[in-house]
């Protein structure tokens, strides 16, 4: 399990995919989740499931910090922000 905090108007810039699923639990703030071409709100108390293999990204669209937990299986214990920061 990892805890992400995105500053206002920050997030994962590029849509990405990987073979493992993950579950998200929004702790505070407001943002958006793009999963398989659809956009859904992220708000405190909401949760979502991202199946493995689907394109996705998350971002803060508000003036407040966005904080959420990301739960992955052991093979998914990587940092997706660093993983996608290739030249």
N, C-alpha and C. Protein backbone atom coordinates (compact mmCIF):
# COMPACT_ATOMS: atom_id res chain seq x y z
N UNK A 1 0.85 -1.17 0.00
CA UNK A 1 0.00 0.00 0.00
C UNK A 1 0.90 1.23 0.00
N UNK A 2 0.52 2.21 -0.80
CA UNK A 2 1.25 3.46 -0.87
C UNK A 2 0.27 4.61 -0.68
N UNK A 3 0.76 5.72 -0.18
CA UNK A 3 -0.05 6.91 -0.03
C UNK A 3 0.52 7.99 -0.94
N UNK A 4 -0.31 8.48 -1.84
CA UNK A 4 0.09 9.55 -2.75
C UNK A 4 -0.56 10.85 -2.31
N UNK A 5 0.17 11.94 -2.40
CA UNK A 5 -0.38 13.27 -2.21
C UNK A 5 0.00 14.10 -3.42
N UNK A 6 -1.01 14.59 -4.12
CA UNK A 6 -0.78 15.46 -5.28
C UNK A 6 -1.10 16.88 -4.89
N UNK A 7 -0.18 17.78 -5.18
CA UNK A 7 -0.40 19.21 -4.96
C UNK A 7 -1.54 19.67 -5.88
N UNK A 8 -2.09 20.86 -5.62
CA UNK A 8 -3.13 21.36 -6.52
C UNK A 8 -2.68 21.35 -7.98
N UNK A 9 -3.54 20.85 -8.83
CA UNK A 9 -3.35 20.78 -10.28
C UNK A 9 -2.14 19.95 -10.69
N UNK A 10 -1.77 18.96 -9.88
CA UNK A 10 -0.67 18.05 -10.20
C UNK A 10 -1.21 16.63 -10.31
N UNK A 11 -0.38 15.73 -10.82
CA UNK A 11 -0.79 14.34 -10.92
C UNK A 11 0.12 13.59 -11.85
N UNK A 12 -0.34 12.43 -12.28
CA UNK A 12 0.41 11.62 -13.24
C UNK A 12 0.07 12.17 -14.62
N UNK A 13 1.08 12.70 -15.31
CA UNK A 13 0.84 13.39 -16.57
C UNK A 13 0.43 12.45 -17.70
N UNK A 14 1.11 11.31 -17.81
CA UNK A 14 0.85 10.41 -18.93
C UNK A 14 -0.03 9.24 -18.51
N UNK A 15 -0.93 8.87 -19.40
CA UNK A 15 -1.70 7.65 -19.20
C UNK A 15 -0.71 6.49 -19.25
N UNK A 16 -0.88 5.53 -18.36
CA UNK A 16 0.02 4.38 -18.35
C UNK A 16 -0.78 3.11 -18.10
N UNK A 17 -0.11 1.98 -18.28
CA UNK A 17 -0.73 0.69 -18.04
C UNK A 17 0.32 -0.26 -17.48
N UNK A 18 -0.15 -1.28 -16.79
CA UNK A 18 0.71 -2.34 -16.27
C UNK A 18 -0.17 -3.56 -16.03
N UNK A 19 0.42 -4.74 -15.88
CA UNK A 19 -0.38 -5.96 -15.79
C UNK A 19 -1.11 -6.17 -14.47
N UNK A 20 -0.72 -5.49 -13.40
CA UNK A 20 -1.34 -5.73 -12.11
C UNK A 20 -2.51 -4.76 -11.86
N UNK A 21 -3.50 -5.20 -11.06
CA UNK A 21 -4.61 -4.32 -10.69
C UNK A 21 -4.21 -3.44 -9.50
N UNK A 22 -5.00 -2.46 -9.23
CA UNK A 22 -4.87 -1.75 -7.95
C UNK A 22 -6.20 -1.18 -7.52
N UNK A 23 -6.26 -0.88 -6.25
CA UNK A 23 -7.44 -0.32 -5.61
C UNK A 23 -7.05 1.03 -5.04
N UNK A 24 -7.91 2.00 -5.21
CA UNK A 24 -7.63 3.37 -4.76
C UNK A 24 -8.68 3.73 -3.71
N UNK A 25 -8.23 4.40 -2.66
CA UNK A 25 -9.14 4.92 -1.64
C UNK A 25 -8.76 6.38 -1.44
N UNK A 26 -9.67 7.28 -1.76
CA UNK A 26 -9.41 8.71 -1.65
C UNK A 26 -9.61 9.15 -0.19
N UNK A 27 -8.58 9.76 0.36
CA UNK A 27 -8.62 10.19 1.76
C UNK A 27 -9.10 11.62 1.91
N UNK A 28 -8.61 12.51 1.06
CA UNK A 28 -9.09 13.89 1.11
C UNK A 28 -8.77 14.60 -0.21
N UNK A 29 -9.48 15.66 -0.46
CA UNK A 29 -9.31 16.44 -1.67
C UNK A 29 -10.26 16.01 -2.77
N UNK A 30 -10.04 16.59 -3.94
CA UNK A 30 -10.86 16.31 -5.12
C UNK A 30 -9.93 16.13 -6.31
N UNK A 31 -10.25 15.17 -7.14
CA UNK A 31 -9.45 14.95 -8.33
C UNK A 31 -10.23 14.14 -9.35
N UNK A 32 -9.50 13.66 -10.32
CA UNK A 32 -10.09 12.85 -11.39
C UNK A 32 -9.26 11.61 -11.61
N UNK A 33 -9.93 10.54 -11.98
CA UNK A 33 -9.30 9.30 -12.38
C UNK A 33 -9.72 9.02 -13.81
N UNK A 34 -8.76 8.85 -14.68
CA UNK A 34 -9.04 8.44 -16.05
C UNK A 34 -8.68 6.96 -16.14
N UNK A 35 -9.70 6.13 -16.40
CA UNK A 35 -9.51 4.69 -16.47
C UNK A 35 -10.16 4.18 -17.75
N UNK A 36 -9.36 3.59 -18.62
CA UNK A 36 -9.84 3.00 -19.86
C UNK A 36 -10.66 4.01 -20.68
N UNK A 37 -10.19 5.26 -20.73
CA UNK A 37 -10.83 6.29 -21.54
C UNK A 37 -12.01 7.00 -20.89
N UNK A 38 -12.38 6.61 -19.69
CA UNK A 38 -13.48 7.26 -18.99
C UNK A 38 -12.94 8.03 -17.79
N UNK A 39 -13.56 9.15 -17.46
CA UNK A 39 -13.13 9.99 -16.35
C UNK A 39 -14.15 9.89 -15.23
N UNK A 40 -13.65 9.69 -14.01
CA UNK A 40 -14.51 9.59 -12.83
C UNK A 40 -13.96 10.52 -11.75
N UNK A 41 -14.84 11.05 -10.89
CA UNK A 41 -14.37 11.92 -9.81
C UNK A 41 -13.66 11.12 -8.73
N UNK A 42 -12.73 11.77 -8.06
CA UNK A 42 -12.09 11.21 -6.86
C UNK A 42 -12.39 12.20 -5.74
N UNK A 43 -13.08 11.74 -4.71
CA UNK A 43 -13.41 12.58 -3.57
C UNK A 43 -13.24 11.76 -2.30
N UNK A 44 -13.03 12.44 -1.20
CA UNK A 44 -12.83 11.77 0.09
C UNK A 44 -13.91 10.73 0.34
N UNK A 45 -13.48 9.52 0.70
CA UNK A 45 -14.40 8.43 1.01
C UNK A 45 -14.70 7.53 -0.17
N UNK A 46 -14.34 7.94 -1.37
CA UNK A 46 -14.61 7.11 -2.55
C UNK A 46 -13.49 6.11 -2.77
N UNK A 47 -13.82 4.99 -3.40
CA UNK A 47 -12.81 4.01 -3.76
C UNK A 47 -13.06 3.58 -5.20
N UNK A 48 -12.02 3.04 -5.82
CA UNK A 48 -12.17 2.53 -7.17
C UNK A 48 -11.20 1.38 -7.40
N UNK A 49 -11.52 0.58 -8.36
CA UNK A 49 -10.68 -0.55 -8.74
C UNK A 49 -10.20 -0.32 -10.16
N UNK A 50 -8.91 -0.51 -10.39
CA UNK A 50 -8.33 -0.41 -11.73
C UNK A 50 -7.83 -1.81 -12.10
N UNK A 51 -8.51 -2.51 -12.99
CA UNK A 51 -8.05 -3.83 -13.39
C UNK A 51 -6.70 -3.75 -14.10
N UNK A 52 -5.92 -4.79 -14.00
CA UNK A 52 -4.64 -4.84 -14.71
C UNK A 52 -4.85 -4.70 -16.21
N UNK A 53 -3.91 -4.04 -16.87
CA UNK A 53 -3.95 -3.92 -18.32
C UNK A 53 -4.73 -2.74 -18.86
N UNK A 54 -5.43 -1.99 -18.01
CA UNK A 54 -6.19 -0.84 -18.50
C UNK A 54 -5.36 0.43 -18.39
N UNK A 55 -5.45 1.30 -19.41
CA UNK A 55 -4.78 2.59 -19.35
C UNK A 55 -5.44 3.46 -18.28
N UNK A 56 -4.61 4.20 -17.53
CA UNK A 56 -5.16 5.03 -16.47
C UNK A 56 -4.18 6.12 -16.04
N UNK A 57 -4.71 7.12 -15.37
CA UNK A 57 -3.92 8.17 -14.72
C UNK A 57 -4.81 8.87 -13.70
N UNK A 58 -4.18 9.57 -12.77
CA UNK A 58 -4.90 10.26 -11.71
C UNK A 58 -4.34 11.66 -11.59
N UNK A 59 -5.21 12.63 -11.31
CA UNK A 59 -4.72 14.00 -11.16
C UNK A 59 -5.65 14.81 -10.26
N UNK A 60 -5.08 15.85 -9.68
CA UNK A 60 -5.78 16.76 -8.80
C UNK A 60 -6.28 17.93 -9.64
N UNK A 61 -7.58 18.16 -9.65
CA UNK A 61 -8.14 19.27 -10.42
C UNK A 61 -8.66 20.37 -9.51
N UNK A 62 -8.12 20.44 -8.29
CA UNK A 62 -8.62 21.42 -7.32
C UNK A 62 -7.49 22.28 -6.75
N UNK A 63 -7.86 23.16 -5.86
CA UNK A 63 -6.90 24.05 -5.18
C UNK A 63 -6.39 23.46 -3.87
N UNK A 64 -6.89 22.29 -3.49
CA UNK A 64 -6.49 21.61 -2.25
C UNK A 64 -5.63 20.39 -2.58
N UNK A 65 -4.79 19.93 -1.67
CA UNK A 65 -4.06 18.67 -1.92
C UNK A 65 -5.02 17.49 -2.08
N UNK A 66 -4.65 16.56 -2.92
CA UNK A 66 -5.40 15.32 -3.12
C UNK A 66 -4.56 14.19 -2.54
N UNK A 67 -5.12 13.42 -1.61
CA UNK A 67 -4.39 12.32 -0.99
C UNK A 67 -5.20 11.05 -1.13
N UNK A 68 -4.51 9.97 -1.58
CA UNK A 68 -5.21 8.69 -1.71
C UNK A 68 -4.25 7.54 -1.46
N UNK A 69 -4.83 6.42 -1.04
CA UNK A 69 -4.08 5.18 -0.87
C UNK A 69 -4.18 4.39 -2.16
N UNK A 70 -3.10 3.73 -2.51
CA UNK A 70 -3.05 2.87 -3.69
C UNK A 70 -2.58 1.49 -3.21
N UNK A 71 -3.44 0.51 -3.36
CA UNK A 71 -3.15 -0.84 -2.88
C UNK A 71 -2.90 -1.73 -4.09
N UNK A 72 -1.73 -2.38 -4.11
CA UNK A 72 -1.33 -3.22 -5.25
C UNK A 72 -0.82 -4.56 -4.74
N UNK A 73 -0.81 -5.59 -5.60
CA UNK A 73 -0.19 -6.85 -5.22
C UNK A 73 1.34 -6.66 -5.21
N UNK A 74 2.09 -7.61 -4.66
CA UNK A 74 3.56 -7.46 -4.56
C UNK A 74 4.24 -7.11 -5.88
N UNK A 75 3.80 -7.67 -7.01
CA UNK A 75 4.45 -7.36 -8.28
C UNK A 75 4.22 -5.92 -8.73
N UNK A 76 3.25 -5.26 -8.13
CA UNK A 76 2.97 -3.87 -8.48
C UNK A 76 3.62 -2.87 -7.56
N UNK A 77 4.50 -3.32 -6.70
CA UNK A 77 5.11 -2.42 -5.73
C UNK A 77 6.25 -1.64 -6.38
N UNK A 78 5.87 -0.78 -7.34
CA UNK A 78 6.81 0.11 -8.03
C UNK A 78 6.23 1.51 -8.01
N UNK A 79 7.02 2.50 -8.30
CA UNK A 79 6.54 3.88 -8.32
C UNK A 79 6.17 4.23 -9.76
N UNK A 80 4.86 4.35 -10.09
CA UNK A 80 4.45 4.60 -11.48
C UNK A 80 4.90 5.96 -11.98
N UNK A 81 5.16 6.91 -11.10
CA UNK A 81 5.61 8.22 -11.54
C UNK A 81 7.03 8.10 -12.08
N UNK A 82 7.92 7.44 -11.34
CA UNK A 82 9.29 7.25 -11.80
C UNK A 82 9.35 6.29 -12.98
N UNK A 83 8.50 5.28 -12.96
CA UNK A 83 8.50 4.27 -14.02
C UNK A 83 8.25 4.90 -15.39
N UNK A 84 7.43 5.93 -15.45
CA UNK A 84 7.05 6.53 -16.73
C UNK A 84 7.83 7.79 -17.05
N UNK A 85 8.85 8.12 -16.30
CA UNK A 85 9.61 9.34 -16.58
C UNK A 85 10.83 9.02 -17.42
N UNK A 86 10.60 8.35 -18.52
CA UNK A 86 11.69 8.02 -19.45
C UNK A 86 11.81 9.13 -20.48
N UNK A 87 13.04 9.34 -21.00
CA UNK A 87 13.21 10.40 -22.04
C UNK A 87 12.47 10.07 -23.32
